[in-house]
Amino acid sequence: MGRIVELHKGTGDSEKMSFGERADALNELFTEQLIPFFRDINAANIEAQVEEQLYYQQTLEYQNRETKADLIKQKYE
């Protein structure tokens, strides 16, 4: 993150760079580091949502089984 701030503010070794060179360097950092980082975060979020949906479906299935079992029990009582 420090490198991004340096490039944005034009400090450190980036103060000798032109605005265009800094923009190119920021673009390179973005495509090489931030895009893969956000892609990984999105993949993790999607995986978590899928797991949550699976657990929810399992809960509904167990509730359905419980209801059926109660109905059968009531029928034979």
PDB file of N, CA and C in Angstrom:
ATOM      1  N   MET A   1       0.825  -1.183   0.000  1.00  0.00           N
ATOM      2  CA  MET A   1       0.000   0.000   0.000  1.00  0.00           C
ATOM      3  C   MET A   1       0.871   1.250   0.000  1.00  0.00           C
ATOM      4  N   GLY A   2       2.042   1.176   0.618  1.00  0.00           N
ATOM      5  CA  GLY A   2       2.929   2.324   0.675  1.00  0.00           C
ATOM      6  C   GLY A   2       3.389   2.772  -0.706  1.00  0.00           C
ATOM      7  N   ARG A   3       3.625   1.810  -1.575  1.00  0.00           N
ATOM      8  CA  ARG A   3       4.055   2.130  -2.947  1.00  0.00           C
ATOM      9  C   ARG A   3       2.960   2.883  -3.698  1.00  0.00           C
ATOM     10  N   ILE A   4       1.715   2.502  -3.474  1.00  0.00           N
ATOM     11  CA  ILE A   4       0.599   3.187  -4.130  1.00  0.00           C
ATOM     12  C   ILE A   4       0.512   4.623  -3.664  1.00  0.00           C
ATOM     13  N   VAL A   5       0.664   4.851  -2.367  1.00  0.00           N
ATOM     14  CA  VAL A   5       0.614   6.214  -1.824  1.00  0.00           C
ATOM     15  C   VAL A   5       1.766   7.038  -2.381  1.00  0.00           C
ATOM     16  N   GLU A   6       2.955   6.425  -2.439  1.00  0.00           N
ATOM     17  CA  GLU A   6       4.118   7.118  -3.015  1.00  0.00           C
ATOM     18  C   GLU A   6       3.850   7.564  -4.443  1.00  0.00           C
ATOM     19  N   LEU A   7       3.331   6.654  -5.232  1.00  0.00           N
ATOM     20  CA  LEU A   7       3.059   6.968  -6.633  1.00  0.00           C
ATOM     21  C   LEU A   7       1.953   8.015  -6.758  1.00  0.00           C
ATOM     22  N   HIS A   8       0.945   7.897  -5.924  1.00  0.00           N
ATOM     23  CA  HIS A   8      -0.174   8.839  -5.983  1.00  0.00           C
ATOM     24  C   HIS A   8       0.269  10.257  -5.611  1.00  0.00           C
ATOM     25  N   LYS A   9       1.057  10.356  -4.547  1.00  0.00           N
ATOM     26  CA  LYS A   9       1.483  11.677  -4.066  1.00  0.00           C
ATOM     27  C   LYS A   9       2.748  12.182  -4.757  1.00  0.00           C
ATOM     28  N   GLY A  10       3.450  11.302  -5.438  1.00  0.00           N
ATOM     29  CA  GLY A  10       4.689  11.708  -6.099  1.00  0.00           C
ATOM     30  C   GLY A  10       5.825  11.896  -5.121  1.00  0.00           C
ATOM     31  N   THR A  11       5.895  11.037  -4.115  1.00  0.00           N
ATOM     32  CA  THR A  11       6.968  11.132  -3.122  1.00  0.00           C
ATOM     33  C   THR A  11       7.935   9.971  -3.306  1.00  0.00           C
ATOM     34  N   GLY A  12       9.012   9.982  -2.536  1.00  0.00           N
ATOM     35  CA  GLY A  12      10.005   8.913  -2.604  1.00  0.00           C
ATOM     36  C   GLY A  12      10.665   8.871  -3.969  1.00  0.00           C
ATOM     37  N   ASP A  13      10.921   7.668  -4.464  1.00  0.00           N
ATOM     38  CA  ASP A  13      11.587   7.544  -5.763  1.00  0.00           C
ATOM     39  C   ASP A  13      10.666   7.915  -6.920  1.00  0.00           C
ATOM     40  N   SER A  14       9.385   8.102  -6.654  1.00  0.00           N
ATOM     41  CA  SER A  14       8.456   8.451  -7.730  1.00  0.00           C
ATOM     42  C   SER A  14       8.373   9.954  -7.983  1.00  0.00           C
ATOM     43  N   GLU A  15       9.053  10.767  -7.139  1.00  0.00           N
ATOM     44  CA  GLU A  15       8.959  12.214  -7.351  1.00  0.00           C
ATOM     45  C   GLU A  15       9.682  12.661  -8.621  1.00  0.00           C
ATOM     46  N   LYS A  16      10.576  11.844  -9.134  1.00  0.00           N
ATOM     47  CA  LYS A  16      11.272  12.170 -10.377  1.00  0.00           C
ATOM     48  C   LYS A  16      10.488  11.707 -11.606  1.00  0.00           C
ATOM     49  N   MET A  17       9.398  10.968 -11.367  1.00  0.00           N
ATOM     50  CA  MET A  17       8.600  10.438 -12.478  1.00  0.00           C
ATOM     51  C   MET A  17       7.576  11.482 -12.930  1.00  0.00           C
ATOM     52  N   SER A  18       7.287  11.463 -14.206  1.00  0.00           N
ATOM     53  CA  SER A  18       6.230  12.349 -14.709  1.00  0.00           C
ATOM     54  C   SER A  18       4.874  11.785 -14.277  1.00  0.00           C
ATOM     55  N   PHE A  19       3.851  12.593 -14.431  1.00  0.00           N
ATOM     56  CA  PHE A  19       2.504  12.161 -14.078  1.00  0.00           C
ATOM     57  C   PHE A  19       2.105  10.913 -14.877  1.00  0.00           C
ATOM     58  N   GLY A  20       2.433  10.898 -16.146  1.00  0.00           N
ATOM     59  CA  GLY A  20       2.112   9.751 -17.001  1.00  0.00           C
ATOM     60  C   GLY A  20       2.825   8.487 -16.566  1.00  0.00           C
ATOM     61  N   GLU A  21       4.103   8.636 -16.177  1.00  0.00           N
ATOM     62  CA  GLU A  21       4.862   7.475 -15.716  1.00  0.00           C
ATOM     63  C   GLU A  21       4.292   6.934 -14.404  1.00  0.00           C
ATOM     64  N   ARG A  22       3.886   7.851 -13.527  1.00  0.00           N
ATOM     65  CA  ARG A  22       3.276   7.422 -12.267  1.00  0.00           C
ATOM     66  C   ARG A  22       1.938   6.719 -12.528  1.00  0.00           C
ATOM     67  N   ALA A  23       1.176   7.270 -13.466  1.00  0.00           N
ATOM     68  CA  ALA A  23      -0.111   6.650 -13.808  1.00  0.00           C
ATOM     69  C   ALA A  23       0.120   5.248 -14.376  1.00  0.00           C
ATOM     70  N   ASP A  24       1.122   5.102 -15.220  1.00  0.00           N
ATOM     71  CA  ASP A  24       1.448   3.783 -15.764  1.00  0.00           C
ATOM     72  C   ASP A  24       1.872   2.812 -14.662  1.00  0.00           C
ATOM     73  N   ALA A  25       2.685   3.308 -13.733  1.00  0.00           N
ATOM     74  CA  ALA A  25       3.138   2.464 -12.622  1.00  0.00           C
ATOM     75  C   ALA A  25       1.953   2.060 -11.738  1.00  0.00           C
ATOM     76  N   LEU A  26       1.040   2.996 -11.477  1.00  0.00           N
ATOM     77  CA  LEU A  26      -0.153   2.673 -10.692  1.00  0.00           C
ATOM     78  C   LEU A  26      -1.023   1.648 -11.422  1.00  0.00           C
ATOM     79  N   ASN A  27      -1.172   1.823 -12.706  1.00  0.00           N
ATOM     80  CA  ASN A  27      -1.945   0.877 -13.504  1.00  0.00           C
ATOM     81  C   ASN A  27      -1.321  -0.517 -13.450  1.00  0.00           C
ATOM     82  N   GLU A  28      -0.009  -0.566 -13.538  1.00  0.00           N
ATOM     83  CA  GLU A  28       0.694  -1.847 -13.472  1.00  0.00           C
ATOM     84  C   GLU A  28       0.497  -2.511 -12.110  1.00  0.00           C
ATOM     85  N   LEU A  29       0.622  -1.719 -11.037  1.00  0.00           N
ATOM     86  CA  LEU A  29       0.383  -2.263  -9.704  1.00  0.00           C
ATOM     87  C   LEU A  29      -1.042  -2.786  -9.570  1.00  0.00           C
ATOM     88  N   PHE A  30      -1.971  -2.026 -10.118  1.00  0.00           N
ATOM     89  CA  PHE A  30      -3.371  -2.424 -10.047  1.00  0.00           C
ATOM     90  C   PHE A  30      -3.604  -3.752 -10.751  1.00  0.00           C
ATOM     91  N   THR A  31      -3.089  -3.877 -11.969  1.00  0.00           N
ATOM     92  CA  THR A  31      -3.340  -5.103 -12.735  1.00  0.00           C
ATOM     93  C   THR A  31      -2.562  -6.301 -12.182  1.00  0.00           C
ATOM     94  N   GLU A  32      -1.395  -6.065 -11.613  1.00  0.00           N
ATOM     95  CA  GLU A  32      -0.582  -7.181 -11.130  1.00  0.00           C
ATOM     96  C   GLU A  32      -0.922  -7.611  -9.711  1.00  0.00           C
ATOM     97  N   GLN A  33      -1.366  -6.663  -8.878  1.00  0.00           N
ATOM     98  CA  GLN A  33      -1.564  -6.990  -7.472  1.00  0.00           C
ATOM     99  C   GLN A  33      -3.013  -6.876  -7.017  1.00  0.00           C
ATOM    100  N   LEU A  34      -3.682  -5.795  -7.340  1.00  0.00           N
ATOM    101  CA  LEU A  34      -5.016  -5.585  -6.806  1.00  0.00           C
ATOM    102  C   LEU A  34      -6.081  -6.442  -7.486  1.00  0.00           C
ATOM    103  N   ILE A  35      -6.007  -6.586  -8.791  1.00  0.00           N
ATOM    104  CA  ILE A  35      -7.013  -7.400  -9.485  1.00  0.00           C
ATOM    105  C   ILE A  35      -6.974  -8.848  -8.986  1.00  0.00           C
ATOM    106  N   PRO A  36      -5.797  -9.492  -8.910  1.00  0.00           N
ATOM    107  CA  PRO A  36      -5.789 -10.859  -8.364  1.00  0.00           C
ATOM    108  C   PRO A  36      -6.277 -10.912  -6.907  1.00  0.00           C
ATOM    109  N   PHE A  37      -5.937  -9.889  -6.120  1.00  0.00           N
ATOM    110  CA  PHE A  37      -6.388  -9.832  -4.725  1.00  0.00           C
ATOM    111  C   PHE A  37      -7.909  -9.789  -4.657  1.00  0.00           C
ATOM    112  N   PHE A  38      -8.528  -8.903  -5.435  1.00  0.00           N
ATOM    113  CA  PHE A  38      -9.984  -8.800  -5.436  1.00  0.00           C
ATOM    114  C   PHE A  38     -10.636 -10.047  -6.034  1.00  0.00           C
ATOM    115  N   ARG A  39      -9.997 -10.653  -7.009  1.00  0.00           N
ATOM    116  CA  ARG A  39     -10.512 -11.889  -7.592  1.00  0.00           C
ATOM    117  C   ARG A  39     -10.554 -12.986  -6.532  1.00  0.00           C
ATOM    118  N   ASP A  40      -9.490 -13.079  -5.730  1.00  0.00           N
ATOM    119  CA  ASP A  40      -9.457 -14.075  -4.655  1.00  0.00           C
ATOM    120  C   ASP A  40     -10.537 -13.800  -3.611  1.00  0.00           C
ATOM    121  N   ILE A  41     -10.729 -12.532  -3.273  1.00  0.00           N
ATOM    122  CA  ILE A  41     -11.765 -12.172  -2.303  1.00  0.00           C
ATOM    123  C   ILE A  41     -13.142 -12.534  -2.851  1.00  0.00           C
ATOM    124  N   ASN A  42     -13.393 -12.214  -4.112  1.00  0.00           N
ATOM    125  CA  ASN A  42     -14.679 -12.553  -4.721  1.00  0.00           C
ATOM    126  C   ASN A  42     -14.895 -14.061  -4.738  1.00  0.00           C
ATOM    127  N   ALA A  43     -13.864 -14.811  -5.062  1.00  0.00           N
ATOM    128  CA  ALA A  43     -13.984 -16.273  -5.086  1.00  0.00           C
ATOM    129  C   ALA A  43     -14.315 -16.797  -3.688  1.00  0.00           C
ATOM    130  N   ALA A  44     -13.667 -16.243  -2.680  1.00  0.00           N
ATOM    131  CA  ALA A  44     -13.939 -16.664  -1.302  1.00  0.00           C
ATOM    132  C   ALA A  44     -15.368 -16.307  -0.899  1.00  0.00           C
ATOM    133  N   ASN A  45     -15.835 -15.121  -1.296  1.00  0.00           N
ATOM    134  CA  ASN A  45     -17.204 -14.714  -0.980  1.00  0.00           C
ATOM    135  C   ASN A  45     -18.223 -15.618  -1.656  1.00  0.00           C
ATOM    136  N   ILE A  46     -17.986 -15.947  -2.915  1.00  0.00           N
ATOM    137  CA  ILE A  46     -18.905 -16.819  -3.640  1.00  0.00           C
ATOM    138  C   ILE A  46     -18.923 -18.202  -2.992  1.00  0.00           C
ATOM    139  N   GLU A  47     -17.761 -18.705  -2.638  1.00  0.00           N
ATOM    140  CA  GLU A  47     -17.689 -20.015  -1.986  1.00  0.00           C
ATOM    141  C   GLU A  47     -18.442 -20.005  -0.660  1.00  0.00           C
ATOM    142  N   ALA A  48     -18.296 -18.945   0.108  1.00  0.00           N
ATOM    143  CA  ALA A  48     -19.001 -18.835   1.389  1.00  0.00           C
ATOM    144  C   ALA A  48     -20.509 -18.771   1.172  1.00  0.00           C
ATOM    145  N   GLN A  49     -20.958 -18.060   0.156  1.00  0.00           N
ATOM    146  CA  GLN A  49     -22.384 -17.978  -0.131  1.00  0.00           C
ATOM    147  C   GLN A  49     -22.950 -19.328  -0.557  1.00  0.00           C
ATOM    148  N   VAL A  50     -22.181 -20.063  -1.340  1.00  0.00           N
ATOM    149  CA  VAL A  50     -22.620 -21.391  -1.772  1.00  0.00           C
ATOM    150  C   VAL A  50     -22.734 -22.319  -0.563  1.00  0.00           C
ATOM    151  N   GLU A  51     -21.744 -22.283   0.321  1.00  0.00           N
ATOM    152  CA  GLU A  51     -21.793 -23.116   1.525  1.00  0.00           C
ATOM    153  C   GLU A  51     -22.973 -22.732   2.406  1.00  0.00           C
ATOM    154  N   GLU A  52     -23.211 -21.443   2.556  1.00  0.00           N
ATOM    155  CA  GLU A  52     -24.337 -20.982   3.364  1.00  0.00           C
ATOM    156  C   GLU A  52     -25.659 -21.483   2.776  1.00  0.00           C
ATOM    157  N   GLN A  53     -25.790 -21.407   1.463  1.00  0.00           N
ATOM    158  CA  GLN A  53     -27.000 -21.881   0.807  1.00  0.00           C
ATOM    159  C   GLN A  53     -27.165 -23.390   0.983  1.00  0.00           C
ATOM    160  N   LEU A  54     -26.065 -24.130   0.907  1.00  0.00           N
ATOM    161  CA  LEU A  54     -26.100 -25.573   1.113  1.00  0.00           C
ATOM    162  C   LEU A  54     -26.572 -25.903   2.525  1.00  0.00           C
ATOM    163  N   TYR A  55     -26.014 -25.225   3.526  1.00  0.00           N
ATOM    164  CA  TYR A  55     -26.425 -25.460   4.911  1.00  0.00           C
ATOM    165  C   TYR A  55     -27.903 -25.106   5.109  1.00  0.00           C
ATOM    166  N   TYR A  56     -28.347 -24.049   4.470  1.00  0.00           N
ATOM    167  CA  TYR A  56     -29.749 -23.653   4.561  1.00  0.00           C
ATOM    168  C   TYR A  56     -30.641 -24.736   3.965  1.00  0.00           C
ATOM    169  N   GLN A  57     -30.263 -25.264   2.802  1.00  0.00           N
ATOM    170  CA  GLN A  57     -31.030 -26.334   2.160  1.00  0.00           C
ATOM    171  C   GLN A  57     -31.062 -27.590   3.032  1.00  0.00           C
ATOM    172  N   GLN A  58     -29.940 -27.895   3.662  1.00  0.00           N
ATOM    173  CA  GLN A  58     -29.891 -29.052   4.549  1.00  0.00           C
ATOM    174  C   GLN A  58     -30.812 -28.845   5.750  1.00  0.00           C
ATOM    175  N   THR A  59     -30.821 -27.644   6.288  1.00  0.00           N
ATOM    176  CA  THR A  59     -31.705 -27.332   7.408  1.00  0.00           C
ATOM    177  C   THR A  59     -33.161 -27.516   7.013  1.00  0.00           C
ATOM    178  N   LEU A  60     -33.527 -27.026   5.836  1.00  0.00           N
ATOM    179  CA  LEU A  60     -34.900 -27.201   5.361  1.00  0.00           C
ATOM    180  C   LEU A  60     -35.238 -28.680   5.189  1.00  0.00           C
ATOM    181  N   GLU A  61     -34.302 -29.455   4.677  1.00  0.00           N
ATOM    182  CA  GLU A  61     -34.522 -30.891   4.482  1.00  0.00           C
ATOM    183  C   GLU A  61     -34.749 -31.579   5.828  1.00  0.00           C
ATOM    184  N   TYR A  62     -33.936 -31.246   6.824  1.00  0.00           N
ATOM    185  CA  TYR A  62     -34.106 -31.856   8.149  1.00  0.00           C
ATOM    186  C   TYR A  62     -35.427 -31.441   8.786  1.00  0.00           C
ATOM    187  N   GLN A  63     -35.819 -30.192   8.599  1.00  0.00           N
ATOM    188  CA  GLN A  63     -37.108 -29.745   9.128  1.00  0.00           C
ATOM    189  C   GLN A  63     -38.248 -30.501   8.445  1.00  0.00           C
ATOM    190  N   ASN A  64     -38.120 -30.706   7.136  1.00  0.00           N
ATOM    191  CA  ASN A  64     -39.119 -31.445   6.386  1.00  0.00           C
ATOM    192  C   ASN A  64     -39.213 -32.886   6.885  1.00  0.00           C
ATOM    193  N   ARG A  65     -38.074 -33.515   7.119  1.00  0.00           N
ATOM    194  CA  ARG A  65     -38.065 -34.886   7.637  1.00  0.00           C
ATOM    195  C   ARG A  65     -38.715 -34.953   9.017  1.00  0.00           C
ATOM    196  N   GLU A  66     -38.422 -33.953   9.848  1.00  0.00           N
ATOM    197  CA  GLU A  66     -39.007 -33.918  11.189  1.00  0.00           C
ATOM    198  C   GLU A  66     -40.528 -33.807  11.109  1.00  0.00           C
ATOM    199  N   THR A  67     -41.017 -32.959  10.224  1.00  0.00           N
ATOM    200  CA  THR A  67     -42.459 -32.787  10.056  1.00  0.00           C
ATOM    201  C   THR A  67     -43.100 -34.088   9.590  1.00  0.00           C
ATOM    202  N   LYS A  68     -42.478 -34.760   8.623  1.00  0.00           N
ATOM    203  CA  LYS A  68     -43.003 -36.037   8.141  1.00  0.00           C
ATOM    204  C   LYS A  68     -43.018 -37.075   9.259  1.00  0.00           C
ATOM    205  N   ALA A  69     -41.944 -37.120  10.035  1.00  0.00           N
ATOM    206  CA  ALA A  69     -41.871 -38.080  11.143  1.00  0.00           C
ATOM    207  C   ALA A  69     -42.959 -37.799  12.170  1.00  0.00           C
ATOM    208  N   ASP A  70     -43.214 -36.535  12.475  1.00  0.00           N
ATOM    209  CA  ASP A  70     -44.275 -36.178  13.415  1.00  0.00           C
ATOM    210  C   ASP A  70     -45.640 -36.595  12.893  1.00  0.00           C
ATOM    211  N   LEU A  71     -45.879 -36.399  11.595  1.00  0.00           N
ATOM    212  CA  LEU A  71     -47.159 -36.794  11.010  1.00  0.00           C
ATOM    213  C   LEU A  71     -47.358 -38.308  11.074  1.00  0.00           C
ATOM    214  N   ILE A  72     -46.299 -39.049  10.790  1.00  0.00           N
ATOM    215  CA  ILE A  72     -46.386 -40.509  10.864  1.00  0.00           C
ATOM    216  C   ILE A  72     -46.631 -40.940  12.301  1.00  0.00           C
ATOM    217  N   LYS A  73     -45.935 -40.321  13.224  1.00  0.00           N
ATOM    218  CA  LYS A  73     -46.098 -40.646  14.654  1.00  0.00           C
ATOM    219  C   LYS A  73     -47.538 -40.379  15.093  1.00  0.00           C
ATOM    220  N   GLN A  74     -48.085 -39.230  14.692  1.00  0.00           N
ATOM    221  CA  GLN A  74     -49.465 -38.880  15.062  1.00  0.00           C
ATOM    222  C   GLN A  74     -50.460 -39.867  14.455  1.00  0.00           C
ATOM    223  N   LYS A  75     -50.190 -40.341  13.266  1.00  0.00           N
ATOM    224  CA  LYS A  75     -51.082 -41.271  12.595  1.00  0.00           C
ATOM    225  C   LYS A  75     -51.193 -42.591  13.369  1.00  0.00           C
ATOM    226  N   TYR A  76     -50.101 -43.053  13.921  1.00  0.00           N
ATOM    227  CA  TYR A  76     -50.077 -44.339  14.622  1.00  0.00           C
ATOM    228  C   TYR A  76     -50.376 -44.227  16.104  1.00  0.00           C
ATOM    229  N   GLU A  77     -50.570 -43.021  16.624  1.00  0.00           N
ATOM    230  CA  GLU A  77     -50.889 -42.878  18.044  1.00  0.00           C
ATOM    231  C   GLU A  77     -52.356 -42.997  18.305  1.00  0.00           C
TER     232      GLU A  77
END
